[in-house]
C-alpha atoms as a PDB file:
ATOM      1  CA  MET A   1      63.631 -70.465  52.377  1.00  0.00           C
ATOM      2  CA  GLU A   2      65.286 -68.483  55.121  1.00  0.00           C
ATOM      3  CA  HIS A   3      64.885 -65.353  53.026  1.00  0.00           C
ATOM      4  CA  ASN A   4      61.164 -66.039  52.616  1.00  0.00           C
ATOM      5  CA  LEU A   5      60.715 -66.457  56.393  1.00  0.00           C
ATOM      6  CA  LYS A   6      62.420 -63.130  57.044  1.00  0.00           C
ATOM      7  CA  VAL A   7      60.146 -61.462  54.517  1.00  0.00           C
ATOM      8  CA  MET A   8      57.071 -63.034  56.149  1.00  0.00           C
ATOM      9  CA  LYS A   9      58.188 -61.952  59.654  1.00  0.00           C
ATOM     10  CA  THR A  10      58.870 -58.441  58.447  1.00  0.00           C
ATOM     11  CA  SER A  11      55.489 -58.337  56.744  1.00  0.00           C
ATOM     12  CA  ILE A  12      53.700 -59.585  59.861  1.00  0.00           C
ATOM     13  CA  ILE A  13      55.514 -57.064  62.080  1.00  0.00           C
ATOM     14  CA  GLN A  14      54.727 -54.252  59.678  1.00  0.00           C
ATOM     15  CA  SER A  15      51.079 -55.336  59.436  1.00  0.00           C
ATOM     16  CA  GLY A  16      50.804 -55.562  63.200  1.00  0.00           C
ATOM     17  CA  ALA A  17      52.382 -52.159  63.636  1.00  0.00           C
ATOM     18  CA  ALA A  18      50.013 -50.722  61.065  1.00  0.00           C
ATOM     19  CA  ALA A  19      47.035 -52.331  62.762  1.00  0.00           C
ATOM     20  CA  LEU A  20      48.204 -51.087  66.153  1.00  0.00           C
ATOM     21  CA  PHE A  21      48.693 -47.600  64.701  1.00  0.00           C
ATOM     22  CA  ILE A  22      45.184 -47.655  63.228  1.00  0.00           C
ATOM     23  CA  LEU A  23      43.732 -48.910  66.521  1.00  0.00           C
ATOM     24  CA  LEU A  24      45.549 -46.279  68.570  1.00  0.00           C
ATOM     25  CA  SER A  25      44.658 -43.560  66.086  1.00  0.00           C
ATOM     26  CA  ALA A  26      41.019 -44.560  66.169  1.00  0.00           C
ATOM     27  CA  GLY A  27      41.045 -44.541  69.960  1.00  0.00           C
ATOM     28  CA  THR A  28      42.746 -41.168  70.070  1.00  0.00           C
ATOM     29  CA  PHE A  29      40.284 -39.787  67.509  1.00  0.00           C
ATOM     30  CA  ALA A  30      37.337 -41.155  69.474  1.00  0.00           C
ATOM     31  CA  GLN A  31      38.683 -39.640  72.685  1.00  0.00           C
ATOM     32  CA  LYS A  32      39.291 -36.274  71.038  1.00  0.00           C
ATOM     33  CA  ASP A  33      35.879 -36.406  69.392  1.00  0.00           C
ATOM     34  CA  THR A  34      34.193 -37.145  72.745  1.00  0.00           C
ATOM     35  CA  LEU A  35      35.998 -34.321  74.518  1.00  0.00           C
ATOM     36  CA  ALA A  36      35.549 -31.812  71.722  1.00  0.00           C
ATOM     37  CA  SER A  37      31.870 -32.507  71.187  1.00  0.00           C
ATOM     38  CA  ARG A  38      30.052 -33.028  74.459  1.00  0.00           C
ATOM     39  CA  TYR A  39      26.816 -32.011  72.748  1.00  0.00           C
ATOM     40  CA  PRO A  40      25.406 -34.023  69.849  1.00  0.00           C
ATOM     41  CA  THR A  41      26.815 -32.893  66.497  1.00  0.00           C
ATOM     42  CA  PRO A  42      25.355 -29.725  64.969  1.00  0.00           C
ATOM     43  CA  ALA A  43      23.857 -31.952  62.276  1.00  0.00           C
ATOM     44  CA  SER A  44      21.425 -33.103  64.994  1.00  0.00           C
ATOM     45  CA  TYR A  45      19.803 -29.657  64.915  1.00  0.00           C
ATOM     46  CA  ASP A  46      18.353 -27.328  62.333  1.00  0.00           C
ATOM     47  CA  SER A  47      19.964 -24.449  64.226  1.00  0.00           C
ATOM     48  CA  ILE A  48      21.251 -23.502  67.670  1.00  0.00           C
ATOM     49  CA  LYS A  49      19.552 -20.578  69.418  1.00  0.00           C
ATOM     50  CA  LEU A  50      21.752 -20.035  72.463  1.00  0.00           C
ATOM     51  CA  GLN A  51      24.078 -21.738  74.911  1.00  0.00           C
ATOM     52  CA  SER A  52      23.966 -20.830  78.595  1.00  0.00           C
ATOM     53  CA  GLY A  53      26.169 -22.562  81.137  1.00  0.00           C
ATOM     54  CA  ASN A  54      25.617 -26.295  80.777  1.00  0.00           C
ATOM     55  CA  ILE A  55      22.599 -26.204  78.487  1.00  0.00           C
ATOM     56  CA  LEU A  56      22.016 -25.661  74.803  1.00  0.00           C
ATOM     57  CA  LEU A  57      18.774 -24.452  73.223  1.00  0.00           C
ATOM     58  CA  ALA A  58      18.340 -25.657  69.661  1.00  0.00           C
ATOM     59  CA  TYR A  59      15.728 -26.213  66.973  1.00  0.00           C
ATOM     60  CA  ARG A  60      14.876 -29.499  65.308  1.00  0.00           C
ATOM     61  CA  GLU A  61      12.233 -29.610  62.593  1.00  0.00           C
ATOM     62  CA  GLY A  62      11.159 -26.115  63.632  1.00  0.00           C
ATOM     63  CA  LYS A  63      10.669 -26.940  67.327  1.00  0.00           C
ATOM     64  CA  LEU A  64      12.771 -25.798  70.283  1.00  0.00           C
ATOM     65  CA  GLY A  65      14.328 -28.177  72.819  1.00  0.00           C
ATOM     66  CA  VAL A  66      17.021 -28.213  75.513  1.00  0.00           C
ATOM     67  CA  VAL A  67      20.123 -30.426  75.620  1.00  0.00           C
ATOM     68  CA  ASN A  68      22.484 -30.689  78.580  1.00  0.00           C
ATOM     69  CA  SER A  69      26.297 -30.773  78.490  1.00  0.00           C
ATOM     70  CA  ASP A  70      26.332 -34.592  78.475  1.00  0.00           C
ATOM     71  CA  GLY A  71      24.448 -34.573  75.204  1.00  0.00           C
ATOM     72  CA  GLN A  72      21.243 -35.788  76.838  1.00  0.00           C
ATOM     73  CA  LEU A  73      17.901 -34.349  75.821  1.00  0.00           C
ATOM     74  CA  GLN A  74      16.669 -32.408  78.823  1.00  0.00           C
ATOM     75  CA  LEU A  75      13.483 -30.929  77.351  1.00  0.00           C
ATOM     76  CA  PRO A  76      11.951 -32.402  74.192  1.00  0.00           C
ATOM     77  CA  PHE A  77      11.726 -30.564  70.885  1.00  0.00           C
ATOM     78  CA  ILE A  78       8.099 -29.514  71.347  1.00  0.00           C
ATOM     79  CA  TYR A  79       8.302 -25.767  72.067  1.00  0.00           C
ATOM     80  CA  ASP A  80       7.724 -23.031  69.513  1.00  0.00           C
ATOM     81  CA  ASP A  81      10.247 -20.454  70.655  1.00  0.00           C
ATOM     82  CA  SER A  82      11.792 -18.629  73.627  1.00  0.00           C
ATOM     83  CA  GLU A  83      12.985 -15.218  74.711  1.00  0.00           C
ATOM     84  CA  PRO A  84      16.422 -14.330  73.261  1.00  0.00           C
ATOM     85  CA  ALA A  85      18.174 -14.324  76.654  1.00  0.00           C
ATOM     86  CA  PHE A  86      17.773 -15.292  80.314  1.00  0.00           C
ATOM     87  CA  SER A  87      16.486 -12.697  82.778  1.00  0.00           C
ATOM     88  CA  ASN A  88      17.247 -13.073  86.511  1.00  0.00           C
ATOM     89  CA  GLY A  89      18.237 -16.694  85.776  1.00  0.00           C
ATOM     90  CA  PHE A  90      14.987 -17.553  83.984  1.00  0.00           C
ATOM     91  CA  LEU A  91      13.849 -17.805  80.375  1.00  0.00           C
ATOM     92  CA  LYS A  92      10.365 -17.604  78.915  1.00  0.00           C
ATOM     93  CA  ILE A  93       9.398 -20.343  76.464  1.00  0.00           C
ATOM     94  CA  TYR A  94       6.394 -20.407  74.159  1.00  0.00           C
ATOM     95  CA  LYS A  95       4.015 -23.082  72.930  1.00  0.00           C
ATOM     96  CA  ASN A  96       0.709 -22.615  71.107  1.00  0.00           C
ATOM     97  CA  GLY A  97       0.695 -18.921  71.960  1.00  0.00           C
ATOM     98  CA  MET A  98       1.125 -19.531  75.713  1.00  0.00           C
ATOM     99  CA  GLU A  99       4.092 -18.796  77.997  1.00  0.00           C
ATOM    100  CA  GLY A 100       6.119 -20.945  80.389  1.00  0.00           C
ATOM    101  CA  ILE A 101       9.431 -20.710  82.261  1.00  0.00           C
ATOM    102  CA  ILE A 102      12.696 -22.668  82.444  1.00  0.00           C
ATOM    103  CA  ASN A 103      15.669 -21.878  84.687  1.00  0.00           C
ATOM    104  CA  ASN A 104      19.309 -21.562  83.651  1.00  0.00           C
ATOM    105  CA  GLN A 105      19.841 -25.273  84.388  1.00  0.00           C
ATOM    106  CA  GLY A 106      17.262 -26.164  81.752  1.00  0.00           C
ATOM    107  CA  LYS A 107      14.677 -27.274  84.312  1.00  0.00           C
ATOM    108  CA  LEU A 108      11.036 -26.665  83.435  1.00  0.00           C
ATOM    109  CA  ILE A 109       9.630 -24.399  86.164  1.00  0.00           C
ATOM    110  CA  ALA A 110       6.206 -23.687  84.648  1.00  0.00           C
ATOM    111  CA  GLU A 111       4.506 -25.380  81.723  1.00  0.00           C
ATOM    112  CA  PRO A 112       3.572 -22.972  78.911  1.00  0.00           C
ATOM    113  CA  ILE A 113      -0.077 -22.667  79.957  1.00  0.00           C
ATOM    114  CA  TYR A 114      -0.148 -18.988  80.909  1.00  0.00           C
ATOM    115  CA  GLN A 115      -1.254 -16.036  78.806  1.00  0.00           C
ATOM    116  CA  TYR A 116       1.533 -13.971  80.333  1.00  0.00           C
ATOM    117  CA  ILE A 117       4.450 -14.357  82.759  1.00  0.00           C
ATOM    118  CA  SER A 118       6.640 -11.559  84.123  1.00  0.00           C
ATOM    119  CA  THR A 119      10.221 -12.401  85.155  1.00  0.00           C
ATOM    120  CA  ALA A 120      10.896  -8.870  86.424  1.00  0.00           C
ATOM    121  CA  ASN A 121      10.386  -9.594  90.133  1.00  0.00           C
ATOM    122  CA  ASN A 122      13.229 -11.205  92.085  1.00  0.00           C
ATOM    123  CA  ASP A 123      10.888 -13.118  94.429  1.00  0.00           C
ATOM    124  CA  PHE A 124       8.091 -14.515  92.243  1.00  0.00           C
ATOM    125  CA  PHE A 125       6.448 -14.490  88.810  1.00  0.00           C
ATOM    126  CA  ILE A 126       3.320 -12.498  88.073  1.00  0.00           C
ATOM    127  CA  ILE A 127       1.077 -14.582  85.789  1.00  0.00           C
ATOM    128  CA  ARG A 128      -2.119 -14.149  83.802  1.00  0.00           C
ATOM    129  CA  LEU A 129      -4.449 -17.103  83.358  1.00  0.00           C
ATOM    130  CA  ASN A 130      -7.986 -16.899  81.985  1.00  0.00           C
ATOM    131  CA  ASP A 131      -7.603 -13.100  81.939  1.00  0.00           C
ATOM    132  CA  LYS A 132      -6.952 -12.974  85.706  1.00  0.00           C
ATOM    133  CA  TYR A 133      -3.674 -12.111  87.469  1.00  0.00           C
ATOM    134  CA  GLY A 134      -1.872 -13.873  90.314  1.00  0.00           C
ATOM    135  CA  THR A 135       1.628 -15.120  91.208  1.00  0.00           C
ATOM    136  CA  ILE A 136       3.659 -18.327  91.328  1.00  0.00           C
ATOM    137  CA  SER A 137       6.943 -18.916  93.150  1.00  0.00           C
ATOM    138  CA  HIS A 138      10.285 -19.417  91.409  1.00  0.00           C
ATOM    139  CA  GLU A 139       9.696 -23.139  91.938  1.00  0.00           C
ATOM    140  CA  GLY A 140       6.413 -22.935  90.038  1.00  0.00           C
ATOM    141  CA  THR A 141       4.130 -23.225  93.076  1.00  0.00           C
ATOM    142  CA  PRO A 142       0.953 -21.056  93.089  1.00  0.00           C
ATOM    143  CA  VAL A 143       1.122 -18.290  95.732  1.00  0.00           C
ATOM    144  CA  ILE A 144      -1.484 -15.627  94.958  1.00  0.00           C
ATOM    145  CA  PRO A 145      -4.538 -17.079  93.169  1.00  0.00           C
ATOM    146  CA  THR A 146      -5.304 -15.793  89.680  1.00  0.00           C
ATOM    147  CA  ALA A 147      -8.288 -13.707  90.808  1.00  0.00           C
ATOM    148  CA  TYR A 148      -7.390 -10.127  89.936  1.00  0.00           C
ATOM    149  CA  ASP A 149      -8.532  -8.082  86.965  1.00  0.00           C
ATOM    150  CA  ARG A 150      -5.320  -6.107  86.446  1.00  0.00           C
ATOM    151  CA  GLU A 151      -1.592  -6.694  86.763  1.00  0.00           C
ATOM    152  CA  PHE A 152      -0.173  -5.441  90.064  1.00  0.00           C
ATOM    153  CA  VAL A 153       3.226  -4.218  91.237  1.00  0.00           C
ATOM    154  CA  PHE A 154       4.570  -4.490  94.789  1.00  0.00           C
ATOM    155  CA  SER A 155       6.102  -1.420  96.388  1.00  0.00           C
ATOM    156  CA  ASP A 156       6.967  -0.928 100.033  1.00  0.00           C
ATOM    157  CA  GLY A 157       5.728  -4.490 100.665  1.00  0.00           C
ATOM    158  CA  LEU A 158       2.170  -3.967  99.351  1.00  0.00           C
ATOM    159  CA  ALA A 159       0.445  -3.981  95.958  1.00  0.00           C
ATOM    160  CA  PRO A 160      -2.790  -2.276  94.902  1.00  0.00           C
ATOM    161  CA  VAL A 161      -5.182  -4.789  93.322  1.00  0.00           C
ATOM    162  CA  GLU A 162      -8.562  -4.508  91.670  1.00  0.00           C
ATOM    163  CA  LEU A 163     -11.493  -6.784  92.347  1.00  0.00           C
ATOM    164  CA  ASN A 164     -14.959  -6.153  90.986  1.00  0.00           C
ATOM    165  CA  GLY A 165     -14.137  -2.525  90.236  1.00  0.00           C
ATOM    166  CA  ASN A 166     -12.811  -1.650  93.714  1.00  0.00           C
ATOM    167  CA  TYR A 167      -9.197  -1.383  94.862  1.00  0.00           C
ATOM    168  CA  GLY A 168      -7.451  -2.621  97.977  1.00  0.00           C
ATOM    169  CA  PHE A 169      -3.925  -3.703  98.958  1.00  0.00           C
ATOM    170  CA  ILE A 170      -2.406  -7.168  99.417  1.00  0.00           C
ATOM    171  CA  ASN A 171       0.951  -8.377 100.725  1.00  0.00           C
ATOM    172  CA  SER A 172       3.278 -10.790  98.898  1.00  0.00           C
ATOM    173  CA  LYS A 173       1.428 -13.773 100.417  1.00  0.00           C
ATOM    174  CA  GLY A 174      -1.829 -12.622  98.864  1.00  0.00           C
ATOM    175  CA  GLU A 175      -3.353 -11.580 102.179  1.00  0.00           C
ATOM    176  CA  VAL A 176      -5.696  -8.589 102.000  1.00  0.00           C
ATOM    177  CA  VAL A 177      -4.161  -5.887 104.187  1.00  0.00           C
ATOM    178  CA  ILE A 178      -6.403  -2.987 103.158  1.00  0.00           C
ATOM    179  CA  PRO A 179      -9.988  -3.832 102.053  1.00  0.00           C
ATOM    180  CA  TYR A 180     -11.351  -3.333  98.551  1.00  0.00           C
ATOM    181  CA  GLN A 181     -12.981   0.045  99.015  1.00  0.00           C
ATOM    182  CA  TYR A 182     -11.142   2.643  96.932  1.00  0.00           C
ATOM    183  CA  ASP A 183     -11.916   4.007  93.480  1.00  0.00           C
ATOM    184  CA  LYS A 184      -8.278   4.568  92.606  1.00  0.00           C
ATOM    185  CA  PRO A 185      -4.988   3.875  94.401  1.00  0.00           C
ATOM    186  CA  ALA A 186      -1.281   4.580  93.945  1.00  0.00           C
ATOM    187  CA  ASN A 187       1.633   2.464  95.148  1.00  0.00           C
ATOM    188  CA  PHE A 188       2.917   2.833  98.703  1.00  0.00           C
ATOM    189  CA  SER A 189       6.116   4.794  99.255  1.00  0.00           C
ATOM    190  CA  ASN A 190       7.676   5.467 102.669  1.00  0.00           C
ATOM    191  CA  GLY A 191       4.584   4.025 104.361  1.00  0.00           C
ATOM    192  CA  ARG A 192       2.092   6.252 102.503  1.00  0.00           C
ATOM    193  CA  ALA A 193      -0.186   5.851  99.493  1.00  0.00           C
ATOM    194  CA  MET A 194      -2.525   8.231  97.744  1.00  0.00           C
ATOM    195  CA  VAL A 195      -6.065   6.881  97.302  1.00  0.00           C
ATOM    196  CA  THR A 196      -9.342   8.220  95.907  1.00  0.00           C
ATOM    197  CA  LEU A 197     -12.732   7.535  97.452  1.00  0.00           C
ATOM    198  CA  ASN A 198     -15.995   9.091  96.267  1.00  0.00           C
ATOM    199  CA  GLY A 199     -14.076  11.688  94.275  1.00  0.00           C
ATOM    200  CA  GLU A 200     -11.871  12.754  97.209  1.00  0.00           C
ATOM    201  CA  SER A 201      -8.114  12.027  97.138  1.00  0.00           C
ATOM    202  CA  TYR A 202      -5.993  11.731 100.257  1.00  0.00           C
ATOM    203  CA  GLU A 203      -3.102   9.754 101.764  1.00  0.00           C
ATOM    204  CA  ILE A 204      -3.391   6.655 103.958  1.00  0.00           C
ATOM    205  CA  ASP A 205      -0.865   4.682 105.992  1.00  0.00           C
ATOM    206  CA  LYS A 206      -0.427   0.881 106.007  1.00  0.00           C
ATOM    207  CA  GLN A 207      -3.058   0.553 108.735  1.00  0.00           C
ATOM    208  CA  ASN A 208      -5.555   2.166 106.328  1.00  0.00           C
ATOM    209  CA  LYS A 209      -5.696   5.301 108.466  1.00  0.00           C
ATOM    210  CA  ARG A 210      -6.126   8.634 106.775  1.00  0.00           C
ATOM    211  CA  ILE A 211      -3.102  10.914 107.092  1.00  0.00           C
ATOM    212  CA  VAL A 212      -4.208  14.432 107.934  1.00  0.00           C
ATOM    213  CA  PRO A 213      -1.797  17.035 106.522  1.00  0.00           C
ATOM    214  CA  GLU A 214      -0.201  19.247 109.125  1.00  0.00           C
ATOM    215  CA  LYS A 215      -1.473  22.814 108.891  1.00  0.00           C
ATOM    216  CA  ALA A 216       1.127  25.487 108.307  1.00  0.00           C
ATOM    217  CA  PRO A 217       1.435  28.035 111.179  1.00  0.00           C
ATOM    218  CA  LYS A 218      -0.194  31.384 110.453  1.00  0.00           C
ATOM    219  CA  THR A 219       1.925  33.507 112.816  1.00  0.00           C
ATOM    220  CA  VAL A 220       5.489  33.592 114.117  1.00  0.00           C
ATOM    221  CA  LYS A 221       4.169  32.746 117.574  1.00  0.00           C
ATOM    222  CA  GLU A 222       2.503  29.572 116.249  1.00  0.00           C
ATOM    223  CA  ALA A 223       5.678  28.613 114.392  1.00  0.00           C
ATOM    224  CA  LYS A 224       7.799  28.968 117.532  1.00  0.00           C
ATOM    225  CA  ALA A 225       5.270  26.955 119.523  1.00  0.00           C
ATOM    226  CA  LYS A 226       5.391  24.106 116.954  1.00  0.00           C
ATOM    227  CA  ASP A 227       9.202  24.127 116.961  1.00  0.00           C
ATOM    228  CA  ALA A 228       9.229  23.927 120.760  1.00  0.00           C
ATOM    229  CA  GLN A 229       6.773  21.038 120.673  1.00  0.00           C
ATOM    230  CA  ARG A 230       8.860  19.114 118.125  1.00  0.00           C
ATOM    231  CA  LYS A 231      11.997  19.667 120.214  1.00  0.00           C
ATOM    232  CA  LYS A 232      10.236  18.398 123.317  1.00  0.00           C
ATOM    233  CA  HIS A 233       9.222  15.163 121.550  1.00  0.00           C
ATOM    234  CA  THR A 234      12.706  14.560 120.121  1.00  0.00           C
ATOM    235  CA  ASP A 235      14.651  15.232 123.351  1.00  0.00           C
END
């Protein structure tokens, strides 16, 4: 009888130890699994496109979505594709042939409703909507209305824009600085821009004043006189 009790005690202790070992092992496994796989398992996706910082871009059933580092779905699997890499902290995404923007935190900045978005500028996005160009801020707020016929590039603080076949210049707020009057413009550089009006090309300054080229002196006497005049103004 005493022998049987010892056997039973030993069996119970061994069973308890085994159960405790299984429990601890399961807990350890669960902890390791949680730490090692902060994102949902790869089986949750058809494929992974790229990981950037705390977000993961992946495909499910042929659609692109964004998951954060806690494994939470940040943007649903409804997008068709994206650019291969971020540019200036932003990434273009595509849906139904249109373009949108997310940032490197996975936040949707602009819905994919635009025909075209440029991420090249550090201060804003140039967009095309209904075949007209304008800009939105990096927060997705409209800045310059989509009213222009051609894409524009800012240089020296101004951009040449076309409206109804004539060209003028706007600033980054969309304010018209130089009226729409020219047949053809070039970008400003060092406060000057070459324009064409009625077949004649010449330079203007930012106040839309024509810059008259300085005539070269014809004689040594004229050259000395010009040098003296320049020295007088600089002294």
